[in-house]
């Protein structure tokens, strides 16, 4: 069951006695918990029938006692246990979960980890409750997620703006949503988000970023690549080397796969680039510039310089100097 399905059920007054929200992606867990805290009960009932506990500070017995109370002047009460992964003796909740009170909606957020499916606690929750596992979004799905989210808010976003945001923030969905909200508040009547908006409101340059460096390397434009790296040197937070190297590795890995494909047409390879025909066309050009041997050498260099970036076989060379050495060797 998805976070949206849980919330939609709640909107229809369809409740299970226990909801266990677990996993590495905080965004969906927080979204469900926020709805449970602020929307399930009307304000007139929440004062008497909403209890919120935090795992670090709460005793399991206090949580169970709250769950065992009957609602006052209402059909349901809501008990929330946040940050449950920090609670001691959390397995002692099992006796209540095995026989929950029908008038209590007990919602638990258990972040950063998941229950062992072999344990009795997992099986007990699964029997009559709901377990929602919130997984980290895969890098290859991030741009689509951003595009879909923006559209769900009745806005549009240019492909380059999406890529800028994804490269700058990564897969932190909560932060992405916060940045998009900050941008849309400043758009006035406009409904489209551009790369200029990303630069102005998020603080990432539309000309000097990891995406533009990748494009420069892909086209063997050494002068542009060096200019971008010099910008990174003057602005260390703009694109740390730990962000740049995986981006380049991902690109050259796709080119490596390209050489082994039977159908090397734009249509045949666009699946490698998330069905982006423009990216597929650019990749074909890059493959011709580098050749199979050049792509293979680029991957070996990326591995070598990744080790150097963490101090292996290197005596403290700056990140900018490492990147300059890397791109020169890759292009030659």
Protein backbone atom coordinates (compact mmCIF):
# COMPACT_ATOMS: atom_id res chain seq x y z
CA UNK A 1 0.00 0.00 0.00
CA UNK A 2 1.29 3.47 -0.90
CA UNK A 3 1.23 6.62 1.21
CA UNK A 4 -1.43 8.05 -1.11
CA UNK A 5 -3.62 4.96 -0.68
CA UNK A 6 -3.42 5.19 3.11
CA UNK A 7 -4.39 8.86 3.07
CA UNK A 8 -7.19 8.27 0.55
CA UNK A 9 -8.60 5.51 2.78
CA UNK A 10 -8.52 7.87 5.75
CA UNK A 11 -10.39 10.49 3.74
CA UNK A 12 -13.10 7.85 3.23
CA UNK A 13 -13.12 7.04 6.98
CA UNK A 14 -11.59 3.63 6.34
CA UNK A 15 -9.21 2.84 9.18
CA UNK A 16 -7.11 -0.07 10.39
CA UNK A 17 -6.17 -0.23 14.06
CA UNK A 18 -2.39 -0.04 13.47
CA UNK A 19 -0.23 1.61 10.83
CA UNK A 20 3.50 0.96 10.83
CA UNK A 21 5.46 3.39 8.61
CA UNK A 22 9.05 2.31 8.08
CA UNK A 23 11.98 2.76 5.71
CA UNK A 24 14.76 5.06 4.57
CA UNK A 25 12.71 7.74 2.78
CA UNK A 26 11.41 10.23 5.35
CA UNK A 27 9.24 12.21 2.92
CA UNK A 28 6.35 9.75 2.62
CA UNK A 29 6.48 8.77 6.30
CA UNK A 30 6.28 12.44 7.31
CA UNK A 31 3.46 13.03 4.84
CA UNK A 32 1.31 10.26 6.32
CA UNK A 33 2.15 11.24 9.92
CA UNK A 34 1.30 14.87 9.23
CA UNK A 35 -2.10 13.89 7.83
CA UNK A 36 -2.76 11.62 10.80
CA UNK A 37 -1.90 14.40 13.23
CA UNK A 38 -3.78 17.24 11.60
CA UNK A 39 -6.54 15.79 9.41
CA UNK A 40 -8.03 12.56 10.75
CA UNK A 41 -9.72 14.25 13.71
CA UNK A 42 -11.55 17.54 13.47
CA UNK A 43 -10.07 20.29 15.61
CA UNK A 44 -12.95 20.04 18.09
CA UNK A 45 -12.07 16.39 18.83
CA UNK A 46 -8.27 16.51 18.63
CA UNK A 47 -7.82 18.24 21.99
CA UNK A 48 -9.18 15.20 23.85
CA UNK A 49 -8.40 12.41 21.41
CA UNK A 50 -4.95 13.01 19.93
CA UNK A 51 -1.84 11.72 21.73
CA UNK A 52 1.67 12.21 20.35
CA UNK A 53 4.73 10.38 21.67
CA UNK A 54 8.40 10.40 20.68
CA UNK A 55 10.38 7.18 20.81
CA UNK A 56 13.41 8.69 22.52
CA UNK A 57 11.42 10.01 25.48
CA UNK A 58 8.35 7.76 25.72
CA UNK A 59 7.99 4.55 27.71
CA UNK A 60 6.29 1.73 25.87
CA UNK A 61 3.82 1.35 28.74
CA UNK A 62 2.68 4.98 28.40
CA UNK A 63 2.03 4.47 24.70
CA UNK A 64 0.03 1.30 25.36
CA UNK A 65 -2.00 2.99 28.10
CA UNK A 66 -2.87 5.82 25.71
CA UNK A 67 -3.92 3.31 23.05
CA UNK A 68 -6.16 1.50 25.57
CA UNK A 69 -8.14 4.60 26.47
CA UNK A 70 -11.54 5.12 24.92
CA UNK A 71 -12.20 8.29 22.90
CA UNK A 72 -14.02 11.18 24.55
CA UNK A 73 -17.07 12.58 22.73
CA UNK A 74 -15.89 10.96 19.48
CA UNK A 75 -15.85 7.65 17.63
CA UNK A 76 -12.08 7.47 17.25
CA UNK A 77 -8.89 8.55 18.96
CA UNK A 78 -5.47 8.85 17.31
CA UNK A 79 -2.20 7.84 18.97
CA UNK A 80 1.03 8.73 17.18
CA UNK A 81 4.45 7.32 18.00
CA UNK A 82 7.13 9.31 16.17
CA UNK A 83 10.78 8.30 15.80
CA UNK A 84 9.91 4.84 17.10
CA UNK A 85 13.31 3.51 16.05
CA UNK A 86 14.70 5.29 19.13
CA UNK A 87 12.36 3.60 21.61
CA UNK A 88 13.69 1.05 24.06
CA UNK A 89 11.81 -2.23 24.38
CA UNK A 90 9.71 -1.43 21.33
CA UNK A 91 8.89 -5.12 20.93
CA UNK A 92 6.75 -4.81 24.09
CA UNK A 93 4.14 -3.02 21.99
CA UNK A 94 3.40 -6.39 20.46
CA UNK A 95 0.83 -7.44 23.07
CA UNK A 96 -1.28 -4.36 22.34
CA UNK A 97 -0.86 -4.69 18.57
CA UNK A 98 -2.05 -8.29 18.81
CA UNK A 99 -5.34 -7.13 20.40
CA UNK A 100 -5.79 -3.46 19.50
CA UNK A 101 -8.73 -1.32 20.53
CA UNK A 102 -11.07 -0.81 17.57
CA UNK A 103 -11.66 2.83 18.48
CA UNK A 104 -7.92 3.68 18.43
CA UNK A 105 -5.92 4.52 15.31
CA UNK A 106 -2.31 3.82 16.26
CA UNK A 107 0.27 5.21 13.79
CA UNK A 108 3.98 4.51 14.21
CA UNK A 109 6.88 6.09 12.29
CA UNK A 110 9.95 3.87 12.30
CA UNK A 111 12.51 5.70 10.18
CA UNK A 112 15.83 4.68 8.67
CA UNK A 113 15.22 0.95 9.04
CA UNK A 114 12.66 -1.80 8.59
CA UNK A 115 11.32 -4.59 10.77
CA UNK A 116 12.72 -8.08 10.42
CA UNK A 117 10.00 -9.97 8.56
CA UNK A 118 10.88 -13.12 10.46
CA UNK A 119 10.04 -11.53 13.80
CA UNK A 120 6.70 -11.94 15.54
CA UNK A 121 6.17 -8.17 15.72
CA UNK A 122 6.17 -7.87 11.93
CA UNK A 123 3.79 -10.79 11.52
CA UNK A 124 1.47 -9.43 14.21
CA UNK A 125 1.21 -6.01 12.56
CA UNK A 126 0.74 -7.56 9.13
CA UNK A 127 -2.19 -9.65 10.32
CA UNK A 128 -4.67 -6.86 11.08
CA UNK A 129 -2.71 -3.65 10.56
CA UNK A 130 -0.86 -1.98 7.71
CA UNK A 131 2.89 -1.85 7.11
CA UNK A 132 4.11 0.82 4.72
CA UNK A 133 7.76 0.68 3.64
CA UNK A 134 9.06 3.98 2.28
CA UNK A 135 12.02 3.30 0.00
CA UNK A 136 14.63 5.75 -1.26
CA UNK A 137 13.91 6.84 -4.79
CA UNK A 138 16.33 5.51 -7.39
CA UNK A 139 18.53 8.12 -9.07
CA UNK A 140 17.19 7.19 -12.50
CA UNK A 141 13.62 7.95 -11.35
CA UNK A 142 14.39 11.28 -9.70
CA UNK A 143 13.80 13.62 -12.66
CA UNK A 144 10.48 11.92 -13.42
CA UNK A 145 9.48 12.22 -9.74
CA UNK A 146 10.24 15.94 -9.76
CA UNK A 147 8.32 16.47 -13.01
CA UNK A 148 5.32 14.52 -11.72
CA UNK A 149 5.31 16.37 -8.39
CA UNK A 150 5.47 19.78 -10.09
CA UNK A 151 2.57 18.80 -12.36
CA UNK A 152 0.56 17.61 -9.35
CA UNK A 153 0.87 21.16 -8.00
CA UNK A 154 -0.48 22.56 -11.30
CA UNK A 155 2.90 23.88 -12.48
CA UNK A 156 5.31 22.89 -15.24
CA UNK A 157 9.11 22.80 -15.20
CA UNK A 158 11.60 22.85 -18.04
CA UNK A 159 13.73 19.72 -18.51
CA UNK A 160 16.93 21.64 -17.78
CA UNK A 161 15.44 23.12 -14.61
CA UNK A 162 14.45 19.63 -13.47
CA UNK A 163 17.97 18.35 -14.10
CA UNK A 164 19.55 21.31 -12.30
CA UNK A 165 17.41 20.70 -9.23
CA UNK A 166 18.05 16.95 -9.25
CA UNK A 167 21.82 17.36 -9.63
CA UNK A 168 22.02 20.04 -6.96
CA UNK A 169 19.89 18.40 -4.26
CA UNK A 170 19.99 14.69 -5.05
CA UNK A 171 17.30 12.35 -3.79
CA UNK A 172 16.29 14.29 -0.66
CA UNK A 173 12.58 14.50 -1.51
CA UNK A 174 11.64 16.67 1.46
CA UNK A 175 14.20 19.27 0.47
CA UNK A 176 13.16 19.11 -3.17
CA UNK A 177 9.54 19.78 -2.19
CA UNK A 178 10.58 22.68 0.06
CA UNK A 179 12.61 24.25 -2.74
CA UNK A 180 9.77 23.85 -5.25
CA UNK A 181 7.35 25.45 -2.80
CA UNK A 182 9.77 28.34 -2.30
CA UNK A 183 9.99 28.85 -6.05
CA UNK A 184 6.25 28.67 -6.73
CA UNK A 185 5.49 31.22 -4.01
CA UNK A 186 7.65 33.70 -5.92
CA UNK A 187 6.24 33.07 -9.40
CA UNK A 188 3.20 35.29 -9.10
CA UNK A 189 0.72 34.36 -11.83
CA UNK A 190 3.28 32.37 -13.82
CA UNK A 191 2.87 28.59 -13.86
CA UNK A 192 6.17 27.49 -15.44
CA UNK A 193 9.47 27.02 -13.59
CA UNK A 194 12.63 27.75 -15.58
CA UNK A 195 16.36 27.30 -14.99
CA UNK A 196 16.48 31.04 -14.18
CA UNK A 197 14.12 30.38 -11.27
CA UNK A 198 16.35 27.55 -10.04
CA UNK A 199 19.34 29.87 -10.17
CA UNK A 200 17.53 32.74 -8.46
CA UNK A 201 15.66 30.93 -5.69
CA UNK A 202 17.66 27.74 -5.10
CA UNK A 203 21.09 29.23 -5.60
CA UNK A 204 22.54 26.93 -8.26
CA UNK A 205 24.14 28.44 -11.36
CA UNK A 206 22.45 27.49 -14.62
CA UNK A 207 25.80 27.74 -16.44
CA UNK A 208 28.20 26.29 -13.87
CA UNK A 209 26.89 23.04 -12.44
CA UNK A 210 27.48 19.29 -12.58
CA UNK A 211 25.05 18.86 -15.48
CA UNK A 212 26.83 21.45 -17.64
CA UNK A 213 30.22 19.92 -16.79
CA UNK A 214 28.94 16.53 -17.93
CA UNK A 215 27.75 18.09 -21.19
CA UNK A 216 31.14 19.75 -21.74
CA UNK A 217 32.98 16.48 -21.14
CA UNK A 218 30.53 14.59 -23.37
CA UNK A 219 31.27 17.02 -26.22
CA UNK A 220 35.03 17.12 -25.48
CA UNK A 221 34.77 20.87 -24.91
CA UNK A 222 37.86 21.21 -22.72
CA UNK A 223 37.77 25.01 -22.47
CA UNK A 224 34.21 25.01 -21.15
CA UNK A 225 34.95 22.13 -18.76
CA UNK A 226 37.93 24.01 -17.27
CA UNK A 227 35.84 27.21 -16.86
CA UNK A 228 33.19 25.26 -14.97
CA UNK A 229 35.78 23.56 -12.75
CA UNK A 230 37.34 26.95 -11.98
CA UNK A 231 33.90 28.15 -10.90
CA UNK A 232 33.62 25.12 -8.61
CA UNK A 233 37.05 25.96 -7.18
CA UNK A 234 35.85 29.46 -6.28
CA UNK A 235 32.49 28.13 -5.02
CA UNK A 236 33.25 24.80 -3.25
CA UNK A 237 29.63 24.19 -2.27
CA UNK A 238 28.33 24.55 -5.83
CA UNK A 239 29.20 20.99 -6.88
CA UNK A 240 31.48 18.90 -4.64
CA UNK A 241 33.59 16.26 -6.35
CA UNK A 242 31.53 13.52 -4.63
CA UNK A 243 28.55 14.76 -6.67
CA UNK A 244 30.40 15.20 -9.96
CA UNK A 245 32.19 11.85 -10.21
CA UNK A 246 29.04 9.67 -9.87
CA UNK A 247 27.31 11.85 -12.48
CA UNK A 248 30.16 11.34 -14.96
CA UNK A 249 30.40 7.66 -14.12
CA UNK A 250 26.68 7.21 -14.78
CA UNK A 251 26.99 8.89 -18.17
CA UNK A 252 30.01 6.88 -19.35
CA UNK A 253 28.48 3.67 -18.00
CA UNK A 254 25.54 4.22 -20.35
CA UNK A 255 27.90 4.86 -23.25
CA UNK A 256 29.69 1.60 -22.41
CA UNK A 257 26.36 -0.25 -22.59
CA UNK A 258 25.59 1.51 -25.88
CA UNK A 259 28.52 -0.17 -27.62
CA UNK A 260 27.11 -3.58 -26.76
CA UNK A 261 23.61 -2.87 -28.08
CA UNK A 262 22.40 -4.31 -31.37
CA UNK A 263 20.16 -1.32 -32.13
CA UNK A 264 22.25 1.85 -31.78
CA UNK A 265 19.63 4.20 -33.21
CA UNK A 266 18.17 7.05 -31.19
CA UNK A 267 14.97 5.07 -30.71
CA UNK A 268 16.88 1.93 -29.80
CA UNK A 269 18.94 3.51 -27.04
CA UNK A 270 16.60 6.12 -25.59
CA UNK A 271 15.55 3.66 -22.89
CA UNK A 272 19.08 4.07 -21.48
CA UNK A 273 18.35 7.76 -21.05
CA UNK A 274 14.87 7.54 -19.50
CA UNK A 275 13.22 7.85 -22.91
CA UNK A 276 14.73 11.27 -23.50
CA UNK A 277 15.34 11.49 -27.29
CA UNK A 278 17.56 14.57 -26.92
CA UNK A 279 19.84 12.78 -24.44
CA UNK A 280 19.95 9.72 -26.72
CA UNK A 281 21.00 11.86 -29.68
CA UNK A 282 23.73 13.55 -27.65
CA UNK A 283 24.97 10.16 -26.43
CA UNK A 284 25.41 8.90 -30.00
CA UNK A 285 27.53 11.97 -30.75
CA UNK A 286 29.62 11.38 -27.60
CA UNK A 287 30.11 7.72 -28.47
CA UNK A 288 31.58 8.74 -31.84
CA UNK A 289 33.87 11.29 -30.18
CA UNK A 290 35.22 8.88 -27.59
CA UNK A 291 34.97 5.44 -29.25
CA UNK A 292 34.74 2.21 -27.28
CA UNK A 293 38.37 2.44 -26.14
CA UNK A 294 37.95 6.04 -24.98
CA UNK A 295 34.82 5.22 -22.98
CA UNK A 296 36.55 2.26 -21.36
CA UNK A 297 39.52 4.47 -20.49
CA UNK A 298 37.19 7.14 -19.07
CA UNK A 299 35.60 4.61 -16.71
CA UNK A 300 39.03 3.46 -15.51
CA UNK A 301 40.09 7.07 -14.94
CA UNK A 302 36.90 7.81 -13.00
CA UNK A 303 37.60 4.86 -10.71
CA UNK A 304 41.20 6.05 -10.22
CA UNK A 305 40.21 9.63 -9.42
CA UNK A 306 37.39 8.55 -7.14
CA UNK A 307 40.04 6.80 -5.02
CA UNK A 308 42.25 9.89 -5.15
CA UNK A 309 39.35 12.09 -4.02
CA UNK A 310 39.20 10.16 -0.75
CA UNK A 311 42.97 10.24 -0.23
CA UNK A 312 44.03 6.91 -1.73
CA UNK A 313 47.24 7.22 -3.77
CA UNK A 314 47.08 10.98 -3.42
CA UNK A 315 48.83 13.48 -1.14
CA UNK A 316 46.11 16.06 -0.68
CA UNK A 317 45.58 17.39 -4.20
CA UNK A 318 42.65 19.82 -4.29
CA UNK A 319 39.35 18.66 -5.76
CA UNK A 320 39.57 21.24 -8.56
CA UNK A 321 43.06 20.07 -9.54
CA UNK A 322 41.90 16.45 -9.55
CA UNK A 323 38.97 17.33 -11.81
CA UNK A 324 41.20 19.26 -14.21
CA UNK A 325 43.62 16.35 -14.44
CA UNK A 326 40.73 13.95 -14.93
CA UNK A 327 38.98 15.79 -17.76
CA UNK A 328 42.23 16.45 -19.62
CA UNK A 329 43.15 12.76 -19.51
CA UNK A 330 39.63 11.67 -20.47
CA UNK A 331 39.50 13.97 -23.49
CA UNK A 332 42.97 13.03 -24.68
